[in-house]
Amino acid sequence: MSRIPPAHGQAFSIVECLVAVAVIGFLVGIAVAASGPKIQRARRLPCLSHLRSWGVATQTFAIDHDDLLPMDGAPNGISTRDAWYADLPPLIGLQPYHLEGSWRTNPAIALPRKAWICPSNPRTSNGRILFHYALNRRATGSGRENRQRALGTVPEPSSLVWMYDNGGLAAVASEGNAHPNIHGAGAHFLFMDGHVQRLPASAYWDQELDKPLRDPIGLRWHR
């Protein structure tokens, strides 16, 4: 009986397999590295859209209220009226903050895909409060009096911060709450004229001292 001779050159050697695995791993690494910036950009888009929505709500509120801006409201989110987080949400199809779901006070609850939430911000509630976007408490100059100001009286509205990516939890805060590293070492800012812009942390944050710059670049916190 004749025997079939073994086929030579059809099987991979161990060395060839290791080389193939190394090449595949290298290609996967390149793909992952290349997809990183794309993932970051994809996460930025909803955040930009959310801040633009708050800008539209602010402009709409001013039109409906003789050019007056909404009141700040209590920083701890307890206001049920006369607060940006109570008066603006209905203008963009949301409920006032105090009527929102339990994600506000329960860190175990998944965060909703709503204009309250930045997809790039992993912060959850501390059991009492959660705001991924904060209102600049210095914008209207009303301070503790919480008085309304007219939008038309704001000087240089294109450089005055109205809302921004929140590095803390409060609904109303100052420059110390600006997030120093959320969107590729930067943050998004909504300005009083309604435009939204990403700024690098170097424009508003002192990395060495870990506090806001005294003279930020391209934005103003005070009216």
N, C-alpha and C. Protein backbone atom coordinates (compact mmCIF):
# COMPACT_ATOMS: atom_id res chain seq x y z
N MET A 1 0.86 -1.18 0.00
CA MET A 1 0.00 0.00 0.00
C MET A 1 0.90 1.23 0.00
N SER A 2 0.60 2.11 -0.93
CA SER A 2 1.41 3.33 -1.03
C SER A 2 1.02 4.31 0.06
N ARG A 3 1.98 5.01 0.55
CA ARG A 3 1.72 6.01 1.57
C ARG A 3 1.73 7.42 0.97
N ILE A 4 0.84 8.25 1.53
CA ILE A 4 0.79 9.64 1.04
C ILE A 4 1.91 10.41 1.75
N PRO A 5 2.78 10.97 0.99
CA PRO A 5 3.91 11.69 1.62
C PRO A 5 3.39 12.91 2.37
N PRO A 6 3.98 13.25 3.48
CA PRO A 6 3.55 14.43 4.26
C PRO A 6 3.73 15.70 3.45
N ALA A 7 2.76 16.60 3.63
CA ALA A 7 2.81 17.88 2.91
C ALA A 7 3.75 18.80 3.65
N HIS A 8 4.75 19.24 2.92
CA HIS A 8 5.75 20.12 3.52
C HIS A 8 5.40 21.58 3.22
N GLY A 9 5.68 22.50 4.16
CA GLY A 9 5.48 23.93 3.92
C GLY A 9 4.06 24.41 4.14
N GLN A 10 3.14 23.54 4.61
CA GLN A 10 1.76 23.96 4.80
C GLN A 10 1.45 24.29 6.26
N ALA A 11 2.24 23.88 7.20
CA ALA A 11 2.01 24.15 8.62
C ALA A 11 2.88 25.33 9.06
N PHE A 12 2.32 26.14 10.02
CA PHE A 12 3.07 27.28 10.54
C PHE A 12 3.98 26.80 11.66
N SER A 13 5.16 27.33 11.68
CA SER A 13 6.06 27.03 12.77
C SER A 13 5.70 27.89 13.98
N ILE A 14 6.23 27.57 15.13
CA ILE A 14 5.97 28.36 16.34
C ILE A 14 6.45 29.79 16.17
N VAL A 15 7.60 29.94 15.53
CA VAL A 15 8.15 31.28 15.32
C VAL A 15 7.22 32.11 14.44
N GLU A 16 6.70 31.48 13.38
CA GLU A 16 5.79 32.19 12.48
C GLU A 16 4.51 32.60 13.21
N CYS A 17 4.00 31.73 14.06
CA CYS A 17 2.80 32.05 14.84
C CYS A 17 3.05 33.22 15.77
N LEU A 18 4.22 33.21 16.43
CA LEU A 18 4.53 34.31 17.35
C LEU A 18 4.66 35.63 16.61
N VAL A 19 5.26 35.58 15.43
CA VAL A 19 5.39 36.79 14.62
C VAL A 19 4.02 37.32 14.21
N ALA A 20 3.14 36.40 13.81
CA ALA A 20 1.79 36.80 13.40
C ALA A 20 1.03 37.44 14.55
N VAL A 21 1.14 36.83 15.75
CA VAL A 21 0.48 37.39 16.93
C VAL A 21 1.03 38.78 17.25
N ALA A 22 2.34 38.94 17.13
CA ALA A 22 2.95 40.24 17.41
C ALA A 22 2.47 41.30 16.44
N VAL A 23 2.38 40.93 15.17
CA VAL A 23 1.91 41.88 14.15
C VAL A 23 0.46 42.28 14.42
N ILE A 24 -0.37 41.28 14.72
CA ILE A 24 -1.79 41.58 15.02
C ILE A 24 -1.90 42.50 16.23
N GLY A 25 -1.11 42.20 17.28
CA GLY A 25 -1.13 43.05 18.47
C GLY A 25 -0.70 44.47 18.17
N PHE A 26 0.31 44.60 17.31
CA PHE A 26 0.79 45.93 16.91
C PHE A 26 -0.30 46.70 16.17
N LEU A 27 -0.98 46.02 15.24
CA LEU A 27 -2.05 46.67 14.47
C LEU A 27 -3.22 47.07 15.37
N VAL A 28 -3.55 46.18 16.32
CA VAL A 28 -4.63 46.50 17.25
C VAL A 28 -4.26 47.72 18.09
N GLY A 29 -3.00 47.79 18.52
CA GLY A 29 -2.54 48.94 19.29
C GLY A 29 -2.67 50.23 18.52
N ILE A 30 -2.30 50.20 17.23
CA ILE A 30 -2.43 51.39 16.39
C ILE A 30 -3.88 51.79 16.26
N ALA A 31 -4.76 50.79 16.06
CA ALA A 31 -6.18 51.08 15.89
C ALA A 31 -6.77 51.71 17.14
N VAL A 32 -6.39 51.16 18.30
CA VAL A 32 -6.90 51.70 19.56
C VAL A 32 -6.42 53.13 19.79
N ALA A 33 -5.12 53.35 19.49
CA ALA A 33 -4.56 54.69 19.67
C ALA A 33 -5.23 55.69 18.74
N ALA A 34 -5.51 55.25 17.51
CA ALA A 34 -6.15 56.14 16.54
C ALA A 34 -7.60 56.42 16.90
N SER A 35 -8.25 55.45 17.55
CA SER A 35 -9.66 55.63 17.88
C SER A 35 -9.85 56.49 19.13
N GLY A 36 -8.79 56.64 19.94
CA GLY A 36 -8.89 57.42 21.16
C GLY A 36 -9.40 58.84 20.93
N PRO A 37 -8.74 59.62 20.06
CA PRO A 37 -9.21 60.98 19.79
C PRO A 37 -10.63 61.00 19.23
N LYS A 38 -10.98 60.00 18.42
CA LYS A 38 -12.33 59.96 17.85
C LYS A 38 -13.37 59.74 18.94
N ILE A 39 -13.02 58.87 19.91
CA ILE A 39 -13.94 58.62 21.02
C ILE A 39 -14.12 59.89 21.85
N GLN A 40 -13.00 60.60 22.09
CA GLN A 40 -13.08 61.85 22.84
C GLN A 40 -13.96 62.87 22.13
N ARG A 41 -13.78 62.97 20.81
CA ARG A 41 -14.60 63.92 20.04
C ARG A 41 -16.07 63.52 20.08
N ALA A 42 -16.33 62.22 20.02
CA ALA A 42 -17.72 61.75 20.06
C ALA A 42 -18.38 62.08 21.39
N ARG A 43 -17.59 62.05 22.47
CA ARG A 43 -18.14 62.39 23.78
C ARG A 43 -18.31 63.89 23.95
N ARG A 44 -17.47 64.65 23.25
CA ARG A 44 -17.57 66.10 23.36
C ARG A 44 -18.84 66.63 22.72
N LEU A 45 -19.26 66.02 21.63
CA LEU A 45 -20.39 66.55 20.87
C LEU A 45 -21.66 66.66 21.69
N PRO A 46 -22.06 65.61 22.45
CA PRO A 46 -23.26 65.78 23.27
C PRO A 46 -23.11 66.87 24.31
N CYS A 47 -21.92 67.00 24.90
CA CYS A 47 -21.70 68.03 25.90
C CYS A 47 -21.85 69.41 25.29
N LEU A 48 -21.27 69.62 24.13
CA LEU A 48 -21.41 70.90 23.43
C LEU A 48 -22.88 71.18 23.13
N SER A 49 -23.58 70.14 22.69
CA SER A 49 -25.00 70.27 22.37
C SER A 49 -25.81 70.63 23.61
N HIS A 50 -25.47 70.02 24.75
CA HIS A 50 -26.19 70.30 25.99
C HIS A 50 -26.01 71.75 26.42
N LEU A 51 -24.78 72.23 26.36
CA LEU A 51 -24.53 73.61 26.75
C LEU A 51 -25.21 74.58 25.78
N ARG A 52 -25.23 74.24 24.50
CA ARG A 52 -25.95 75.09 23.54
C ARG A 52 -27.44 75.13 23.88
N SER A 53 -27.97 74.00 24.32
CA SER A 53 -29.39 73.95 24.70
C SER A 53 -29.65 74.88 25.88
N TRP A 54 -28.76 74.87 26.85
CA TRP A 54 -28.92 75.78 27.99
C TRP A 54 -28.79 77.23 27.54
N GLY A 55 -27.97 77.46 26.54
CA GLY A 55 -27.86 78.81 25.99
C GLY A 55 -29.14 79.25 25.31
N VAL A 56 -29.75 78.35 24.54
CA VAL A 56 -31.02 78.66 23.89
C VAL A 56 -32.10 78.92 24.94
N ALA A 57 -32.11 78.11 25.99
CA ALA A 57 -33.10 78.29 27.06
C ALA A 57 -32.92 79.65 27.72
N THR A 58 -31.67 80.05 27.93
CA THR A 58 -31.40 81.35 28.56
C THR A 58 -31.89 82.50 27.69
N GLN A 59 -31.58 82.43 26.39
CA GLN A 59 -32.01 83.49 25.47
C GLN A 59 -33.54 83.53 25.40
N THR A 60 -34.17 82.37 25.36
CA THR A 60 -35.64 82.30 25.30
C THR A 60 -36.25 82.89 26.56
N PHE A 61 -35.68 82.55 27.71
CA PHE A 61 -36.17 83.09 28.97
C PHE A 61 -36.10 84.61 28.96
N ALA A 62 -34.96 85.15 28.50
CA ALA A 62 -34.80 86.61 28.47
C ALA A 62 -35.82 87.26 27.55
N ILE A 63 -36.11 86.63 26.42
CA ILE A 63 -37.10 87.17 25.49
C ILE A 63 -38.48 87.21 26.14
N ASP A 64 -38.79 86.17 26.89
CA ASP A 64 -40.12 86.06 27.52
C ASP A 64 -40.25 86.89 28.80
N HIS A 65 -39.13 87.42 29.31
CA HIS A 65 -39.17 88.12 30.59
C HIS A 65 -38.50 89.51 30.49
N ASP A 66 -38.83 90.22 29.44
CA ASP A 66 -38.35 91.61 29.30
C ASP A 66 -36.84 91.72 29.41
N ASP A 67 -36.14 90.78 28.80
CA ASP A 67 -34.68 90.78 28.72
C ASP A 67 -34.00 90.38 30.03
N LEU A 68 -34.76 89.96 31.02
CA LEU A 68 -34.16 89.57 32.30
C LEU A 68 -33.61 88.15 32.24
N LEU A 69 -32.47 87.95 32.88
CA LEU A 69 -31.88 86.62 33.01
C LEU A 69 -32.54 85.89 34.18
N PRO A 70 -32.49 84.56 34.18
CA PRO A 70 -33.05 83.82 35.32
C PRO A 70 -32.22 84.07 36.57
N MET A 71 -32.85 83.90 37.71
CA MET A 71 -32.11 84.00 38.97
C MET A 71 -31.19 82.80 39.11
N ASP A 72 -30.14 82.98 39.90
CA ASP A 72 -29.18 81.89 40.10
C ASP A 72 -29.82 80.70 40.79
N GLY A 73 -30.51 80.93 41.89
CA GLY A 73 -31.03 79.85 42.70
C GLY A 73 -30.03 79.41 43.75
N ALA A 74 -30.47 78.60 44.67
CA ALA A 74 -29.57 78.12 45.73
C ALA A 74 -28.51 77.19 45.14
N PRO A 75 -27.24 77.37 45.50
CA PRO A 75 -26.18 76.52 44.97
C PRO A 75 -26.36 75.03 45.25
N ASN A 76 -27.07 74.69 46.33
CA ASN A 76 -27.23 73.28 46.69
C ASN A 76 -28.41 72.61 45.98
N GLY A 77 -29.04 73.32 45.03
CA GLY A 77 -30.07 72.71 44.20
C GLY A 77 -31.43 72.54 44.83
N ILE A 78 -31.70 73.22 45.94
CA ILE A 78 -32.97 73.01 46.64
C ILE A 78 -34.09 73.94 46.15
N SER A 79 -33.76 74.93 45.34
CA SER A 79 -34.78 75.87 44.87
C SER A 79 -35.75 75.18 43.92
N THR A 80 -37.03 75.45 44.11
CA THR A 80 -38.06 74.88 43.23
C THR A 80 -38.64 75.95 42.31
N ARG A 81 -38.19 77.18 42.47
CA ARG A 81 -38.59 78.29 41.60
C ARG A 81 -37.51 79.37 41.72
N ASP A 82 -37.56 80.33 40.81
CA ASP A 82 -36.58 81.43 40.84
C ASP A 82 -35.15 80.91 40.88
N ALA A 83 -34.86 79.99 39.99
CA ALA A 83 -33.52 79.42 39.87
C ALA A 83 -33.33 78.96 38.43
N TRP A 84 -32.11 79.01 37.93
CA TRP A 84 -31.88 78.60 36.54
C TRP A 84 -32.29 77.16 36.34
N TYR A 85 -32.04 76.30 37.32
CA TYR A 85 -32.34 74.88 37.16
C TYR A 85 -33.81 74.54 37.39
N ALA A 86 -34.60 75.56 37.74
CA ALA A 86 -36.05 75.38 37.84
C ALA A 86 -36.78 76.05 36.68
N ASP A 87 -36.26 77.19 36.23
CA ASP A 87 -36.96 77.98 35.21
C ASP A 87 -36.54 77.66 33.78
N LEU A 88 -35.30 77.25 33.57
CA LEU A 88 -34.83 76.99 32.21
C LEU A 88 -35.20 75.61 31.66
N PRO A 89 -35.16 74.53 32.46
CA PRO A 89 -35.42 73.20 31.91
C PRO A 89 -36.70 73.06 31.09
N PRO A 90 -37.85 73.59 31.51
CA PRO A 90 -39.07 73.43 30.70
C PRO A 90 -38.95 74.03 29.31
N LEU A 91 -38.05 74.98 29.14
CA LEU A 91 -37.88 75.63 27.84
C LEU A 91 -37.16 74.73 26.83
N ILE A 92 -36.54 73.66 27.32
CA ILE A 92 -35.86 72.71 26.42
C ILE A 92 -36.40 71.29 26.63
N GLY A 93 -37.63 71.20 27.12
CA GLY A 93 -38.28 69.90 27.23
C GLY A 93 -37.90 69.06 28.42
N LEU A 94 -37.33 69.68 29.45
CA LEU A 94 -36.95 68.93 30.65
C LEU A 94 -37.82 69.35 31.83
N GLN A 95 -37.83 68.53 32.84
CA GLN A 95 -38.50 68.89 34.08
C GLN A 95 -37.57 69.74 34.94
N PRO A 96 -38.12 70.59 35.80
CA PRO A 96 -37.27 71.28 36.76
C PRO A 96 -36.44 70.26 37.55
N TYR A 97 -35.30 70.69 38.01
CA TYR A 97 -34.35 69.79 38.65
C TYR A 97 -34.97 68.97 39.78
N HIS A 98 -35.79 69.60 40.62
CA HIS A 98 -36.32 68.90 41.78
C HIS A 98 -37.32 67.81 41.40
N LEU A 99 -37.78 67.81 40.15
CA LEU A 99 -38.70 66.78 39.68
C LEU A 99 -38.00 65.70 38.85
N GLU A 100 -36.70 65.84 38.68
CA GLU A 100 -35.95 64.84 37.92
C GLU A 100 -35.83 63.55 38.73
N GLY A 101 -35.24 62.52 38.10
CA GLY A 101 -35.16 61.19 38.70
C GLY A 101 -34.21 61.12 39.89
N SER A 102 -34.12 59.91 40.43
CA SER A 102 -33.33 59.69 41.63
C SER A 102 -31.82 59.72 41.38
N TRP A 103 -31.41 59.87 40.11
CA TRP A 103 -29.97 60.01 39.82
C TRP A 103 -29.38 61.23 40.53
N ARG A 104 -30.23 62.17 40.90
CA ARG A 104 -29.76 63.39 41.57
C ARG A 104 -29.19 63.11 42.95
N THR A 105 -29.74 62.09 43.60
CA THR A 105 -29.36 61.82 44.99
C THR A 105 -28.87 60.39 45.24
N ASN A 106 -28.91 59.57 44.22
CA ASN A 106 -28.49 58.18 44.38
C ASN A 106 -27.33 57.87 43.44
N PRO A 107 -26.12 57.72 43.96
CA PRO A 107 -24.96 57.48 43.09
C PRO A 107 -24.99 56.13 42.38
N ALA A 108 -25.87 55.23 42.80
CA ALA A 108 -25.94 53.91 42.17
C ALA A 108 -26.81 53.91 40.92
N ILE A 109 -27.57 54.96 40.71
CA ILE A 109 -28.46 55.04 39.56
C ILE A 109 -27.70 55.49 38.33
N ALA A 110 -27.95 54.84 37.19
CA ALA A 110 -27.30 55.23 35.94
C ALA A 110 -27.72 56.64 35.55
N LEU A 111 -26.77 57.42 35.08
CA LEU A 111 -27.06 58.80 34.70
C LEU A 111 -27.83 58.85 33.39
N PRO A 112 -28.80 59.73 33.28
CA PRO A 112 -29.61 59.81 32.06
C PRO A 112 -28.88 60.51 30.92
N ARG A 113 -29.34 60.29 29.73
CA ARG A 113 -28.79 60.99 28.57
C ARG A 113 -29.62 62.25 28.33
N LYS A 114 -29.42 63.20 29.21
CA LYS A 114 -30.16 64.45 29.15
C LYS A 114 -29.19 65.62 29.22
N ALA A 115 -29.72 66.82 29.01
CA ALA A 115 -28.89 68.01 28.99
C ALA A 115 -28.29 68.34 30.35
N TRP A 116 -28.69 67.63 31.39
CA TRP A 116 -28.09 67.81 32.71
C TRP A 116 -26.69 67.18 32.78
N ILE A 117 -26.46 66.20 31.91
CA ILE A 117 -25.31 65.31 32.08
C ILE A 117 -24.31 65.42 30.93
N CYS A 118 -23.02 65.50 31.30
CA CYS A 118 -21.94 65.45 30.31
C CYS A 118 -21.44 64.00 30.22
N PRO A 119 -21.48 63.39 29.04
CA PRO A 119 -21.05 61.98 28.90
C PRO A 119 -19.59 61.74 29.30
N SER A 120 -18.77 62.78 29.28
CA SER A 120 -17.36 62.61 29.63
C SER A 120 -17.10 62.74 31.12
N ASN A 121 -18.12 63.14 31.87
CA ASN A 121 -17.95 63.36 33.30
C ASN A 121 -18.45 62.13 34.07
N PRO A 122 -17.57 61.41 34.74
CA PRO A 122 -17.98 60.19 35.46
C PRO A 122 -18.57 60.47 36.84
N ARG A 123 -18.57 61.71 37.27
CA ARG A 123 -19.02 62.04 38.61
C ARG A 123 -20.50 61.71 38.81
N THR A 124 -20.81 61.08 39.92
CA THR A 124 -22.19 60.78 40.29
C THR A 124 -22.55 61.55 41.57
N SER A 125 -23.77 61.43 41.99
CA SER A 125 -24.25 62.18 43.15
C SER A 125 -23.49 61.81 44.42
N ASN A 126 -23.41 62.76 45.32
CA ASN A 126 -22.83 62.51 46.64
C ASN A 126 -23.89 62.10 47.64
N GLY A 127 -25.10 61.84 47.12
CA GLY A 127 -26.22 61.48 47.97
C GLY A 127 -27.19 62.62 48.20
N ARG A 128 -26.77 63.83 47.75
CA ARG A 128 -27.62 65.01 47.95
C ARG A 128 -27.82 65.83 46.68
N ILE A 129 -26.81 65.83 45.80
CA ILE A 129 -26.85 66.78 44.69
C ILE A 129 -25.95 66.30 43.56
N LEU A 130 -26.24 66.74 42.32
CA LEU A 130 -25.36 66.48 41.19
C LEU A 130 -25.67 67.44 40.06
N PHE A 131 -24.71 68.25 39.72
CA PHE A 131 -24.81 69.14 38.56
C PHE A 131 -23.51 69.02 37.76
N HIS A 132 -23.61 68.51 36.54
CA HIS A 132 -22.44 68.45 35.68
C HIS A 132 -22.12 69.79 35.06
N TYR A 133 -23.10 70.69 35.06
CA TYR A 133 -22.89 72.05 34.57
C TYR A 133 -23.25 73.04 35.68
N ALA A 134 -22.40 74.01 35.86
CA ALA A 134 -22.64 75.02 36.90
C ALA A 134 -22.85 76.38 36.25
N LEU A 135 -23.66 77.19 36.91
CA LEU A 135 -23.86 78.57 36.49
C LEU A 135 -22.80 79.43 37.16
N ASN A 136 -22.22 80.33 36.40
CA ASN A 136 -21.22 81.24 36.94
C ASN A 136 -21.91 82.26 37.86
N ARG A 137 -21.66 82.17 39.14
CA ARG A 137 -22.34 83.03 40.10
C ARG A 137 -21.90 84.49 40.00
N ARG A 138 -20.80 84.73 39.31
CA ARG A 138 -20.32 86.10 39.16
C ARG A 138 -20.88 86.79 37.91
N ALA A 139 -21.58 86.04 37.07
CA ALA A 139 -21.99 86.56 35.76
C ALA A 139 -22.93 87.75 35.84
N THR A 140 -23.89 87.69 36.75
CA THR A 140 -24.88 88.77 36.83
C THR A 140 -24.50 89.82 37.86
N GLY A 141 -23.55 89.52 38.70
CA GLY A 141 -23.15 90.49 39.71
C GLY A 141 -24.17 90.65 40.82
N SER A 142 -25.12 89.71 40.91
CA SER A 142 -26.19 89.85 41.90
C SER A 142 -25.79 89.32 43.27
N GLY A 143 -24.78 88.46 43.32
CA GLY A 143 -24.29 87.95 44.60
C GLY A 143 -25.37 87.26 45.40
N ARG A 144 -25.34 87.45 46.71
CA ARG A 144 -26.28 86.79 47.61
C ARG A 144 -27.70 87.31 47.44
N GLU A 145 -27.85 88.50 46.84
CA GLU A 145 -29.18 89.08 46.69
C GLU A 145 -30.01 88.31 45.67
N ASN A 146 -29.34 87.60 44.77
CA ASN A 146 -30.03 86.77 43.78
C ASN A 146 -31.04 87.57 42.96
N ARG A 147 -30.67 88.81 42.62
CA ARG A 147 -31.56 89.65 41.82
C ARG A 147 -31.35 89.36 40.34
N GLN A 148 -32.38 89.60 39.56
CA GLN A 148 -32.29 89.41 38.11
C GLN A 148 -31.60 90.59 37.46
N ARG A 149 -30.88 90.31 36.40
CA ARG A 149 -30.21 91.33 35.62
C ARG A 149 -30.68 91.23 34.17
N ALA A 150 -30.62 92.33 33.47
CA ALA A 150 -31.01 92.35 32.06
C ALA A 150 -29.86 91.87 31.19
N LEU A 151 -30.15 90.97 30.27
CA LEU A 151 -29.12 90.43 29.38
C LEU A 151 -28.47 91.54 28.55
N GLY A 152 -29.28 92.50 28.14
CA GLY A 152 -28.76 93.58 27.30
C GLY A 152 -27.79 94.51 27.99
N THR A 153 -27.71 94.44 29.32
CA THR A 153 -26.79 95.31 30.05
C THR A 153 -25.44 94.65 30.30
N VAL A 154 -25.26 93.41 29.85
CA VAL A 154 -24.00 92.68 30.07
C VAL A 154 -22.96 93.17 29.07
N PRO A 155 -21.86 93.74 29.53
CA PRO A 155 -20.81 94.19 28.61
C PRO A 155 -20.01 93.02 28.06
N GLU A 156 -19.70 93.07 26.78
CA GLU A 156 -18.90 92.04 26.12
C GLU A 156 -19.40 90.63 26.45
N PRO A 157 -20.63 90.33 26.09
CA PRO A 157 -21.20 89.01 26.44
C PRO A 157 -20.47 87.83 25.81
N SER A 158 -19.75 88.06 24.73
CA SER A 158 -19.06 86.95 24.06
C SER A 158 -17.87 86.42 24.85
N SER A 159 -17.43 87.15 25.88
CA SER A 159 -16.30 86.68 26.67
C SER A 159 -16.66 86.39 28.12
N LEU A 160 -17.93 86.66 28.50
CA LEU A 160 -18.35 86.42 29.88
C LEU A 160 -18.97 85.04 30.02
N VAL A 161 -18.41 84.22 30.90
CA VAL A 161 -18.88 82.85 31.11
C VAL A 161 -20.26 82.86 31.78
N TRP A 162 -21.17 82.05 31.22
CA TRP A 162 -22.50 81.90 31.80
C TRP A 162 -22.61 80.53 32.50
N MET A 163 -22.25 79.46 31.78
CA MET A 163 -22.23 78.12 32.35
C MET A 163 -20.98 77.41 31.88
N TYR A 164 -20.64 76.31 32.57
CA TYR A 164 -19.39 75.63 32.24
C TYR A 164 -19.37 74.21 32.80
N ASP A 165 -18.44 73.40 32.28
CA ASP A 165 -18.23 72.05 32.80
C ASP A 165 -17.83 72.15 34.27
N ASN A 166 -18.60 71.48 35.10
CA ASN A 166 -18.46 71.60 36.54
C ASN A 166 -17.48 70.57 37.11
N GLY A 167 -16.46 71.06 37.80
CA GLY A 167 -15.53 70.15 38.46
C GLY A 167 -15.99 69.76 39.84
N GLY A 168 -17.11 70.34 40.28
CA GLY A 168 -17.68 70.01 41.58
C GLY A 168 -19.08 69.47 41.44
N LEU A 169 -19.95 69.86 42.36
CA LEU A 169 -21.31 69.35 42.36
C LEU A 169 -22.36 70.46 42.36
N ALA A 170 -21.99 71.66 42.79
CA ALA A 170 -22.96 72.74 43.02
C ALA A 170 -23.58 73.25 41.73
N ALA A 171 -24.81 73.76 41.86
CA ALA A 171 -25.54 74.30 40.71
C ALA A 171 -25.05 75.68 40.33
N VAL A 172 -24.55 76.41 41.29
CA VAL A 172 -24.06 77.77 41.09
C VAL A 172 -22.71 77.88 41.78
N ALA A 173 -21.70 78.29 41.05
CA ALA A 173 -20.35 78.33 41.62
C ALA A 173 -19.50 79.35 40.88
N SER A 174 -18.28 79.52 41.33
CA SER A 174 -17.37 80.48 40.71
C SER A 174 -16.31 79.74 39.91
N GLU A 175 -15.25 80.47 39.54
CA GLU A 175 -14.22 79.90 38.68
C GLU A 175 -13.48 78.73 39.30
N GLY A 176 -13.54 78.61 40.63
CA GLY A 176 -12.87 77.50 41.29
C GLY A 176 -13.48 76.14 40.98
N ASN A 177 -14.68 76.13 40.42
CA ASN A 177 -15.34 74.87 40.07
C ASN A 177 -15.16 74.48 38.62
N ALA A 178 -14.48 75.30 37.84
CA ALA A 178 -14.24 74.94 36.44
C ALA A 178 -13.44 73.65 36.37
N HIS A 179 -13.90 72.72 35.55
CA HIS A 179 -13.22 71.41 35.47
C HIS A 179 -11.88 71.58 34.75
N PRO A 180 -10.77 71.18 35.37
CA PRO A 180 -9.46 71.38 34.75
C PRO A 180 -9.05 70.31 33.75
N ASN A 181 -9.80 69.21 33.67
CA ASN A 181 -9.35 68.13 32.78
C ASN A 181 -10.50 67.18 32.47
N ILE A 182 -11.37 67.61 31.57
CA ILE A 182 -12.49 66.74 31.23
C ILE A 182 -12.57 66.45 29.74
N HIS A 183 -12.22 67.39 28.91
CA HIS A 183 -12.28 67.18 27.46
C HIS A 183 -10.89 67.40 26.87
N GLY A 184 -10.05 66.37 27.02
CA GLY A 184 -8.70 66.49 26.50
C GLY A 184 -7.94 67.63 27.14
N ALA A 185 -7.85 67.61 28.47
CA ALA A 185 -7.15 68.66 29.22
C ALA A 185 -7.76 70.02 28.95
N GLY A 186 -9.07 70.09 29.08
CA GLY A 186 -9.77 71.35 28.89
C GLY A 186 -11.21 71.23 29.37
N ALA A 187 -12.04 72.18 28.98
CA ALA A 187 -13.45 72.15 29.37
C ALA A 187 -14.26 72.98 28.39
N HIS A 188 -15.58 72.80 28.44
CA HIS A 188 -16.49 73.56 27.59
C HIS A 188 -17.11 74.70 28.39
N PHE A 189 -17.29 75.83 27.71
CA PHE A 189 -17.86 77.01 28.34
C PHE A 189 -18.97 77.58 27.47
N LEU A 190 -20.08 77.94 28.12
CA LEU A 190 -21.18 78.64 27.46
C LEU A 190 -21.06 80.11 27.85
N PHE A 191 -21.01 80.97 26.84
CA PHE A 191 -20.86 82.40 27.09
C PHE A 191 -22.20 83.11 26.99
N MET A 192 -22.24 84.32 27.50
CA MET A 192 -23.49 85.05 27.61
C MET A 192 -24.14 85.37 26.27
N ASP A 193 -23.37 85.36 25.21
CA ASP A 193 -23.96 85.60 23.89
C ASP A 193 -24.54 84.33 23.27
N GLY A 194 -24.40 83.19 23.96
CA GLY A 194 -24.98 81.94 23.51
C GLY A 194 -24.02 80.99 22.83
N HIS A 195 -22.80 81.41 22.54
CA HIS A 195 -21.88 80.50 21.87
C HIS A 195 -21.16 79.62 22.89
N VAL A 196 -20.76 78.44 22.43
CA VAL A 196 -20.09 77.45 23.29
C VAL A 196 -18.70 77.20 22.72
N GLN A 197 -17.74 77.06 23.61
CA GLN A 197 -16.36 76.91 23.16
C GLN A 197 -15.59 76.01 24.11
N ARG A 198 -14.73 75.17 23.53
CA ARG A 198 -13.80 74.40 24.34
C ARG A 198 -12.52 75.21 24.50
N LEU A 199 -12.05 75.30 25.73
CA LEU A 199 -10.80 75.98 26.00
C LEU A 199 -9.84 75.03 26.70
N PRO A 200 -8.55 75.10 26.36
CA PRO A 200 -7.59 74.25 27.07
C PRO A 200 -7.45 74.72 28.51
N ALA A 201 -7.10 73.81 29.39
CA ALA A 201 -6.97 74.16 30.80
C ALA A 201 -5.97 75.28 31.03
N SER A 202 -4.98 75.36 30.16
CA SER A 202 -3.95 76.40 30.31
C SER A 202 -4.53 77.81 30.18
N ALA A 203 -5.74 77.93 29.62
CA ALA A 203 -6.36 79.23 29.46
C ALA A 203 -7.04 79.73 30.73
N TYR A 204 -7.34 78.80 31.64
CA TYR A 204 -8.11 79.22 32.83
C TYR A 204 -7.65 78.57 34.14
N TRP A 205 -6.68 77.63 34.06
CA TRP A 205 -6.31 76.89 35.27
C TRP A 205 -4.80 76.88 35.46
N ASP A 206 -4.37 77.17 36.68
CA ASP A 206 -2.95 77.11 37.03
C ASP A 206 -2.65 75.69 37.49
N GLN A 207 -1.97 74.93 36.64
CA GLN A 207 -1.73 73.52 36.94
C GLN A 207 -0.79 73.34 38.13
N GLU A 208 0.17 74.22 38.29
CA GLU A 208 1.13 74.09 39.39
C GLU A 208 0.48 74.37 40.73
N LEU A 209 -0.33 75.41 40.79
CA LEU A 209 -0.99 75.78 42.05
C LEU A 209 -2.34 75.10 42.22
N ASP A 210 -2.82 74.44 41.16
CA ASP A 210 -4.12 73.75 41.17
C ASP A 210 -5.25 74.68 41.61
N LYS A 211 -5.33 75.80 40.91
CA LYS A 211 -6.40 76.75 41.17
C LYS A 211 -6.60 77.61 39.91
N PRO A 212 -7.72 78.32 39.81
CA PRO A 212 -7.96 79.11 38.61
C PRO A 212 -6.94 80.23 38.42
N LEU A 213 -6.66 80.54 37.17
CA LEU A 213 -5.75 81.63 36.86
C LEU A 213 -6.35 82.96 37.29
N ARG A 214 -5.49 83.85 37.75
CA ARG A 214 -5.94 85.18 38.14
C ARG A 214 -6.39 85.96 36.89
N ASP A 215 -5.67 85.77 35.79
CA ASP A 215 -6.01 86.45 34.54
C ASP A 215 -6.20 85.40 33.44
N PRO A 216 -7.38 84.82 33.34
CA PRO A 216 -7.62 83.78 32.33
C PRO A 216 -7.55 84.35 30.91
N ILE A 217 -7.32 83.46 29.97
CA ILE A 217 -7.15 83.85 28.57
C ILE A 217 -8.41 83.50 27.78
N GLY A 218 -9.03 84.50 27.18
CA GLY A 218 -10.18 84.25 26.30
C GLY A 218 -11.51 84.16 27.00
N LEU A 219 -11.55 84.48 28.30
CA LEU A 219 -12.83 84.45 29.01
C LEU A 219 -12.78 85.37 30.22
N ARG A 220 -13.96 85.73 30.68
CA ARG A 220 -14.09 86.54 31.90
C ARG A 220 -15.07 85.86 32.84
N TRP A 221 -14.81 85.93 34.12
CA TRP A 221 -15.74 85.40 35.12
C TRP A 221 -16.58 86.50 35.74
N HIS A 222 -16.01 87.70 35.81
CA HIS A 222 -16.70 88.82 36.45
C HIS A 222 -17.37 89.68 35.38
N ARG A 223 -18.51 90.20 35.74
CA ARG A 223 -19.24 91.09 34.84
C ARG A 223 -18.47 92.38 34.62
